Amino acid sequence: SGRFWLAIIGGKQTAFLVNDIMGIEPCF
């Protein structure tokens, strides 16, 4: 929970991007 965007690379996928449930924190 919270207000965020998150990026993970090299894990289960080459890259994984996601933000909070309401999109409060934008990510381009």
PDB file of all heavy atoms in Angstrom:
ATOM      1  N   SER A   1       0.868  -1.184   0.000  1.00  0.00           N
ATOM      2  CA  SER A   1       0.000   0.000   0.000  1.00  0.00           C
ATOM      3  C   SER A   1       0.896   1.222   0.000  1.00  0.00           C
ATOM      4  O   SER A   1       2.119   1.117   0.085  1.00  0.00           O
ATOM      5  CB  SER A   1      -0.943  -0.002   1.214  1.00  0.00           C
ATOM      6  OG  SER A   1      -0.206  -0.021   2.427  1.00  0.00           O
ATOM      7  N   GLY A   2       0.270   2.375  -0.128  1.00  0.00           N
ATOM      8  CA  GLY A   2       1.056   3.605  -0.167  1.00  0.00           C
ATOM      9  C   GLY A   2       0.916   4.304  -1.500  1.00  0.00           C
ATOM     10  O   GLY A   2       0.036   4.014  -2.310  1.00  0.00           O
ATOM     11  N   ARG A   3       1.810   5.232  -1.710  1.00  0.00           N
ATOM     12  CA  ARG A   3       1.848   6.057  -2.920  1.00  0.00           C
ATOM     13  C   ARG A   3       3.224   5.868  -3.544  1.00  0.00           C
ATOM     14  O   ARG A   3       4.228   6.321  -2.992  1.00  0.00           O
ATOM     15  CB  ARG A   3       1.604   7.516  -2.541  1.00  0.00           C
ATOM     16  CG  ARG A   3       1.879   8.525  -3.622  1.00  0.00           C
ATOM     17  CD  ARG A   3       1.653   9.935  -3.091  1.00  0.00           C
ATOM     18  NE  ARG A   3       2.019  10.941  -4.069  1.00  0.00           N
ATOM     19  CZ  ARG A   3       1.791  12.247  -3.922  1.00  0.00           C
ATOM     20  NH1 ARG A   3       1.217  12.685  -2.816  1.00  0.00           N
ATOM     21  NH2 ARG A   3       2.158  13.102  -4.853  1.00  0.00           N
ATOM     22  N   PHE A   4       3.285   5.200  -4.699  1.00  0.00           N
ATOM     23  CA  PHE A   4       4.603   4.797  -5.188  1.00  0.00           C
ATOM     24  C   PHE A   4       4.571   4.349  -6.640  1.00  0.00           C
ATOM     25  O   PHE A   4       3.512   4.064  -7.198  1.00  0.00           O
ATOM     26  CB  PHE A   4       5.118   3.622  -4.354  1.00  0.00           C
ATOM     27  CG  PHE A   4       4.268   2.382  -4.457  1.00  0.00           C
ATOM     28  CD1 PHE A   4       4.486   1.443  -5.458  1.00  0.00           C
ATOM     29  CD2 PHE A   4       3.217   2.161  -3.578  1.00  0.00           C
ATOM     30  CE1 PHE A   4       3.688   0.307  -5.575  1.00  0.00           C
ATOM     31  CE2 PHE A   4       2.413   1.031  -3.684  1.00  0.00           C
ATOM     32  CZ  PHE A   4       2.652   0.103  -4.686  1.00  0.00           C
ATOM     33  N   TRP A   5       5.745   4.288  -7.236  1.00  0.00           N
ATOM     34  CA  TRP A   5       5.989   3.404  -8.379  1.00  0.00           C
ATOM     35  C   TRP A   5       7.175   2.531  -8.030  1.00  0.00           C
ATOM     36  O   TRP A   5       8.031   2.916  -7.231  1.00  0.00           O
ATOM     37  CB  TRP A   5       6.178   4.150  -9.701  1.00  0.00           C
ATOM     38  CG  TRP A   5       7.331   5.122  -9.813  1.00  0.00           C
ATOM     39  CD1 TRP A   5       7.265   6.466  -9.831  1.00  0.00           C
ATOM     40  CD2 TRP A   5       8.728   4.797  -9.969  1.00  0.00           C
ATOM     41  NE1 TRP A   5       8.509   7.026  -9.977  1.00  0.00           N
ATOM     42  CE2 TRP A   5       9.423   6.016 -10.075  1.00  0.00           C
ATOM     43  CE3 TRP A   5       9.449   3.601 -10.032  1.00  0.00           C
ATOM     44  CZ2 TRP A   5      10.818   6.085 -10.213  1.00  0.00           C
ATOM     45  CZ3 TRP A   5      10.833   3.660 -10.170  1.00  0.00           C
ATOM     46  CH2 TRP A   5      11.503   4.884 -10.265  1.00  0.00           C
ATOM     47  N   LEU A   6       7.201   1.362  -8.628  1.00  0.00           N
ATOM     48  CA  LEU A   6       8.191   0.337  -8.292  1.00  0.00           C
ATOM     49  C   LEU A   6       8.735  -0.283  -9.569  1.00  0.00           C
ATOM     50  O   LEU A   6       7.975  -0.595 -10.486  1.00  0.00           O
ATOM     51  CB  LEU A   6       7.526  -0.734  -7.415  1.00  0.00           C
ATOM     52  CG  LEU A   6       8.272  -2.056  -7.177  1.00  0.00           C
ATOM     53  CD1 LEU A   6       9.503  -1.828  -6.317  1.00  0.00           C
ATOM     54  CD2 LEU A   6       7.337  -3.057  -6.504  1.00  0.00           C
ATOM     55  N   ALA A   7      10.048  -0.450  -9.640  1.00  0.00           N
ATOM     56  CA  ALA A   7      10.687  -1.100 -10.793  1.00  0.00           C
ATOM     57  C   ALA A   7      11.637  -2.173 -10.300  1.00  0.00           C
ATOM     58  O   ALA A   7      12.439  -1.933  -9.395  1.00  0.00           O
ATOM     59  CB  ALA A   7      11.437  -0.073 -11.630  1.00  0.00           C
ATOM     60  N   ILE A   8      11.530  -3.362 -10.882  1.00  0.00           N
ATOM     61  CA  ILE A   8      12.449  -4.457 -10.570  1.00  0.00           C
ATOM     62  C   ILE A   8      12.957  -5.013 -11.887  1.00  0.00           C
ATOM     63  O   ILE A   8      12.169  -5.299 -12.793  1.00  0.00           O
ATOM     64  CB  ILE A   8      11.746  -5.571  -9.759  1.00  0.00           C
ATOM     65  CG1 ILE A   8      11.244  -5.018  -8.422  1.00  0.00           C
ATOM     66  CG2 ILE A   8      12.701  -6.759  -9.533  1.00  0.00           C
ATOM     67  CD1 ILE A   8      10.425  -5.999  -7.614  1.00  0.00           C
ATOM     68  N   ILE A   9      14.264  -5.145 -12.024  1.00  0.00           N
ATOM     69  CA  ILE A   9      14.829  -5.720 -13.243  1.00  0.00           C
ATOM     70  C   ILE A   9      15.749  -6.889 -12.882  1.00  0.00           C
ATOM     71  O   ILE A   9      16.403  -6.904 -11.845  1.00  0.00           O
ATOM     72  CB  ILE A   9      15.608  -4.679 -14.083  1.00  0.00           C
ATOM     73  CG1 ILE A   9      16.745  -4.050 -13.273  1.00  0.00           C
ATOM     74  CG2 ILE A   9      14.679  -3.627 -14.613  1.00  0.00           C
ATOM     75  CD1 ILE A   9      17.643  -3.165 -14.126  1.00  0.00           C
ATOM     76  N   GLY A  10      15.734  -7.898 -13.756  1.00  0.00           N
ATOM     77  CA  GLY A  10      16.591  -9.053 -13.573  1.00  0.00           C
ATOM     78  C   GLY A  10      16.047 -10.071 -12.608  1.00  0.00           C
ATOM     79  O   GLY A  10      16.761 -10.983 -12.191  1.00  0.00           O
ATOM     80  N   GLY A  11      14.793  -9.971 -12.215  1.00  0.00           N
ATOM     81  CA  GLY A  11      14.204 -10.942 -11.293  1.00  0.00           C
ATOM     82  C   GLY A  11      13.479 -12.026 -12.050  1.00  0.00           C
ATOM     83  O   GLY A  11      14.031 -12.707 -12.914  1.00  0.00           O
ATOM     84  N   LYS A  12      12.176 -12.187 -11.765  1.00  0.00           N
ATOM     85  CA  LYS A  12      11.378 -13.201 -12.442  1.00  0.00           C
ATOM     86  C   LYS A  12      11.135 -12.823 -13.897  1.00  0.00           C
ATOM     87  O   LYS A  12      10.927 -13.674 -14.752  1.00  0.00           O
ATOM     88  CB  LYS A  12      10.042 -13.374 -11.715  1.00  0.00           C
ATOM     89  CG  LYS A  12      10.189 -13.699 -10.229  1.00  0.00           C
ATOM     90  CD  LYS A  12       8.844 -13.604  -9.529  1.00  0.00           C
ATOM     91  CE  LYS A  12       8.986 -13.759  -8.028  1.00  0.00           C
ATOM     92  NZ  LYS A  12       7.700 -13.616  -7.337  1.00  0.00           N
ATOM     93  N   GLN A  13      11.136 -11.530 -14.156  1.00  0.00           N
ATOM     94  CA  GLN A  13      10.994 -11.016 -15.519  1.00  0.00           C
ATOM     95  C   GLN A  13      12.237 -10.170 -15.813  1.00  0.00           C
ATOM     96  O   GLN A  13      12.968  -9.779 -14.907  1.00  0.00           O
ATOM     97  CB  GLN A  13       9.740 -10.140 -15.634  1.00  0.00           C
ATOM     98  CG  GLN A  13       8.451 -10.844 -15.309  1.00  0.00           C
ATOM     99  CD  GLN A  13       7.932 -11.660 -16.471  1.00  0.00           C
ATOM    100  OE1 GLN A  13       8.300 -11.439 -17.614  1.00  0.00           O
ATOM    101  NE2 GLN A  13       7.069 -12.624 -16.173  1.00  0.00           N
ATOM    102  N   THR A  14      12.451  -9.871 -17.065  1.00  0.00           N
ATOM    103  CA  THR A  14      13.549  -8.973 -17.383  1.00  0.00           C
ATOM    104  C   THR A  14      13.310  -7.626 -16.722  1.00  0.00           C
ATOM    105  O   THR A  14      14.210  -7.010 -16.173  1.00  0.00           O
ATOM    106  CB  THR A  14      13.679  -8.808 -18.910  1.00  0.00           C
ATOM    107  OG1 THR A  14      13.960 -10.090 -19.477  1.00  0.00           O
ATOM    108  CG2 THR A  14      14.789  -7.843 -19.266  1.00  0.00           C
ATOM    109  N   ALA A  15      12.052  -7.144 -16.741  1.00  0.00           N
ATOM    110  CA  ALA A  15      11.694  -5.915 -16.033  1.00  0.00           C
ATOM    111  C   ALA A  15      10.240  -5.976 -15.606  1.00  0.00           C
ATOM    112  O   ALA A  15       9.391  -6.546 -16.298  1.00  0.00           O
ATOM    113  CB  ALA A  15      11.942  -4.703 -16.915  1.00  0.00           C
ATOM    114  N   PHE A  16       9.973  -5.379 -14.447  1.00  0.00           N
ATOM    115  CA  PHE A  16       8.632  -5.348 -13.859  1.00  0.00           C
ATOM    116  C   PHE A  16       8.405  -3.947 -13.321  1.00  0.00           C
ATOM    117  O   PHE A  16       9.180  -3.453 -12.492  1.00  0.00           O
ATOM    118  CB  PHE A  16       8.562  -6.394 -12.740  1.00  0.00           C
ATOM    119  CG  PHE A  16       7.392  -6.264 -11.799  1.00  0.00           C
ATOM    120  CD1 PHE A  16       6.103  -6.554 -12.222  1.00  0.00           C
ATOM    121  CD2 PHE A  16       7.581  -5.881 -10.466  1.00  0.00           C
ATOM    122  CE1 PHE A  16       5.025  -6.454 -11.341  1.00  0.00           C
ATOM    123  CE2 PHE A  16       6.510  -5.784  -9.589  1.00  0.00           C
ATOM    124  CZ  PHE A  16       5.225  -6.071 -10.026  1.00  0.00           C
ATOM    125  N   LEU A  17       7.359  -3.273 -13.816  1.00  0.00           N
ATOM    126  CA  LEU A  17       7.016  -1.928 -13.368  1.00  0.00           C
ATOM    127  C   LEU A  17       5.574  -1.912 -12.879  1.00  0.00           C
ATOM    128  O   LEU A  17       4.701  -2.512 -13.503  1.00  0.00           O
ATOM    129  CB  LEU A  17       7.128  -0.908 -14.514  1.00  0.00           C
ATOM    130  CG  LEU A  17       8.450  -0.715 -15.234  1.00  0.00           C
ATOM    131  CD1 LEU A  17       8.265   0.280 -16.377  1.00  0.00           C
ATOM    132  CD2 LEU A  17       9.510  -0.218 -14.286  1.00  0.00           C
ATOM    133  N   VAL A  18       5.317  -1.186 -11.796  1.00  0.00           N
ATOM    134  CA  VAL A  18       3.936  -1.041 -11.323  1.00  0.00           C
ATOM    135  C   VAL A  18       3.865   0.183 -10.417  1.00  0.00           C
ATOM    136  O   VAL A  18       4.888   0.597  -9.840  1.00  0.00           O
ATOM    137  CB  VAL A  18       3.472  -2.315 -10.573  1.00  0.00           C
ATOM    138  CG1 VAL A  18       4.126  -2.426  -9.198  1.00  0.00           C
ATOM    139  CG2 VAL A  18       1.955  -2.385 -10.474  1.00  0.00           C
ATOM    140  N   ASN A  19       2.679   0.764 -10.294  1.00  0.00           N
ATOM    141  CA  ASN A  19       2.492   1.858  -9.346  1.00  0.00           C
ATOM    142  C   ASN A  19       1.369   1.518  -8.374  1.00  0.00           C
ATOM    143  O   ASN A  19       0.841   0.407  -8.382  1.00  0.00           O
ATOM    144  CB  ASN A  19       2.241   3.188 -10.077  1.00  0.00           C
ATOM    145  CG  ASN A  19       1.007   3.161 -10.953  1.00  0.00           C
ATOM    146  OD1 ASN A  19       0.314   2.139 -11.057  1.00  0.00           O
ATOM    147  ND2 ASN A  19       0.708   4.273 -11.598  1.00  0.00           N
ATOM    148  N   ASP A  20       0.989   2.488  -7.529  1.00  0.00           N
ATOM    149  CA  ASP A  20      -0.019   2.232  -6.506  1.00  0.00           C
ATOM    150  C   ASP A  20      -1.404   2.038  -7.126  1.00  0.00           C
ATOM    151  O   ASP A  20      -1.623   2.314  -8.307  1.00  0.00           O
ATOM    152  CB  ASP A  20      -0.040   3.365  -5.481  1.00  0.00           C
ATOM    153  CG  ASP A  20      -0.316   4.721  -6.107  1.00  0.00           C
ATOM    154  OD1 ASP A  20      -1.488   5.019  -6.363  1.00  0.00           O
ATOM    155  OD2 ASP A  20       0.640   5.473  -6.352  1.00  0.00           O
ATOM    156  N   ILE A  21      -2.341   1.592  -6.319  1.00  0.00           N
ATOM    157  CA  ILE A  21      -3.646   1.152  -6.847  1.00  0.00           C
ATOM    158  C   ILE A  21      -4.448   2.263  -7.509  1.00  0.00           C
ATOM    159  O   ILE A  21      -5.287   2.000  -8.363  1.00  0.00           O
ATOM    160  CB  ILE A  21      -4.506   0.473  -5.760  1.00  0.00           C
ATOM    161  CG1 ILE A  21      -4.840   1.462  -4.638  1.00  0.00           C
ATOM    162  CG2 ILE A  21      -3.813  -0.771  -5.220  1.00  0.00           C
ATOM    163  CD1 ILE A  21      -5.897   0.946  -3.676  1.00  0.00           C
ATOM    164  N   MET A  22      -4.198   3.522  -7.117  1.00  0.00           N
ATOM    165  CA  MET A  22      -4.951   4.631  -7.690  1.00  0.00           C
ATOM    166  C   MET A  22      -4.101   5.483  -8.628  1.00  0.00           C
ATOM    167  O   MET A  22      -4.580   6.490  -9.157  1.00  0.00           O
ATOM    168  CB  MET A  22      -5.540   5.521  -6.582  1.00  0.00           C
ATOM    169  CG  MET A  22      -6.431   4.772  -5.610  1.00  0.00           C
ATOM    170  SD  MET A  22      -7.808   3.882  -6.384  1.00  0.00           S
ATOM    171  CE  MET A  22      -8.947   5.218  -6.667  1.00  0.00           C
ATOM    172  N   GLY A  23      -2.861   5.088  -8.838  1.00  0.00           N
ATOM    173  CA  GLY A  23      -1.999   5.843  -9.739  1.00  0.00           C
ATOM    174  C   GLY A  23      -1.659   7.224  -9.213  1.00  0.00           C
ATOM    175  O   GLY A  23      -1.459   8.163  -9.995  1.00  0.00           O
ATOM    176  N   ILE A  24      -1.560   7.373  -7.902  1.00  0.00           N
ATOM    177  CA  ILE A  24      -1.235   8.679  -7.323  1.00  0.00           C
ATOM    178  C   ILE A  24       0.171   9.100  -7.725  1.00  0.00           C
ATOM    179  O   ILE A  24       0.420  10.256  -8.066  1.00  0.00           O
ATOM    180  CB  ILE A  24      -1.367   8.650  -5.788  1.00  0.00           C
ATOM    181  CG1 ILE A  24      -2.792   8.261  -5.378  1.00  0.00           C
ATOM    182  CG2 ILE A  24      -0.993  10.004  -5.187  1.00  0.00           C
ATOM    183  CD1 ILE A  24      -2.968   8.053  -3.883  1.00  0.00           C
ATOM    184  N   GLU A  25       1.089   8.145  -7.693  1.00  0.00           N
ATOM    185  CA  GLU A  25       2.472   8.436  -8.093  1.00  0.00           C
ATOM    186  C   GLU A  25       2.638   8.050  -9.558  1.00  0.00           C
ATOM    187  O   GLU A  25       2.549   6.886  -9.920  1.00  0.00           O
ATOM    188  CB  GLU A  25       3.465   7.651  -7.227  1.00  0.00           C
ATOM    189  CG  GLU A  25       4.885   8.127  -7.347  1.00  0.00           C
ATOM    190  CD  GLU A  25       5.099   9.537  -6.813  1.00  0.00           C
ATOM    191  OE1 GLU A  25       4.517   9.886  -5.764  1.00  0.00           O
ATOM    192  OE2 GLU A  25       5.846  10.297  -7.461  1.00  0.00           O
ATOM    193  N   PRO A  26       2.880   9.008 -10.435  1.00  0.00           N
ATOM    194  CA  PRO A  26       2.989   8.705 -11.862  1.00  0.00           C
ATOM    195  C   PRO A  26       4.325   8.069 -12.211  1.00  0.00           C
ATOM    196  O   PRO A  26       5.314   8.246 -11.491  1.00  0.00           O
ATOM    197  CB  PRO A  26       2.867  10.082 -12.519  1.00  0.00           C
ATOM    198  CG  PRO A  26       3.463  11.008 -11.503  1.00  0.00           C
ATOM    199  CD  PRO A  26       3.071  10.451 -10.160  1.00  0.00           C
ATOM    200  N   CYS A  27       4.354   7.351 -13.302  1.00  0.00           N
ATOM    201  CA  CYS A  27       5.595   6.754 -13.785  1.00  0.00           C
ATOM    202  C   CYS A  27       5.574   6.708 -15.306  1.00  0.00           C
ATOM    203  O   CYS A  27       4.708   6.065 -15.906  1.00  0.00           O
ATOM    204  CB  CYS A  27       5.777   5.341 -13.227  1.00  0.00           C
ATOM    205  SG  CYS A  27       7.318   4.555 -13.759  1.00  0.00           S
ATOM    206  N   PHE A  28       6.521   7.422 -15.919  1.00  0.00           N
ATOM    207  CA  PHE A  28       6.679   7.440 -17.368  1.00  0.00           C
ATOM    208  C   PHE A  28       7.883   6.576 -17.729  1.00  0.00           C
ATOM    209  O   PHE A  28       8.860   6.528 -16.986  1.00  0.00           O
ATOM    210  CB  PHE A  28       6.907   8.873 -17.858  1.00  0.00           C
ATOM    211  CG  PHE A  28       5.782   9.813 -17.543  1.00  0.00           C
ATOM    212  CD1 PHE A  28       5.773  10.536 -16.354  1.00  0.00           C
ATOM    213  CD2 PHE A  28       4.728   9.977 -18.424  1.00  0.00           C
ATOM    214  CE1 PHE A  28       4.736  11.412 -16.053  1.00  0.00           C
ATOM    215  CE2 PHE A  28       3.686  10.851 -18.141  1.00  0.00           C
ATOM    216  CZ  PHE A  28       3.688  11.564 -16.948  1.00  0.00           C
TER     217      PHE A  28
END
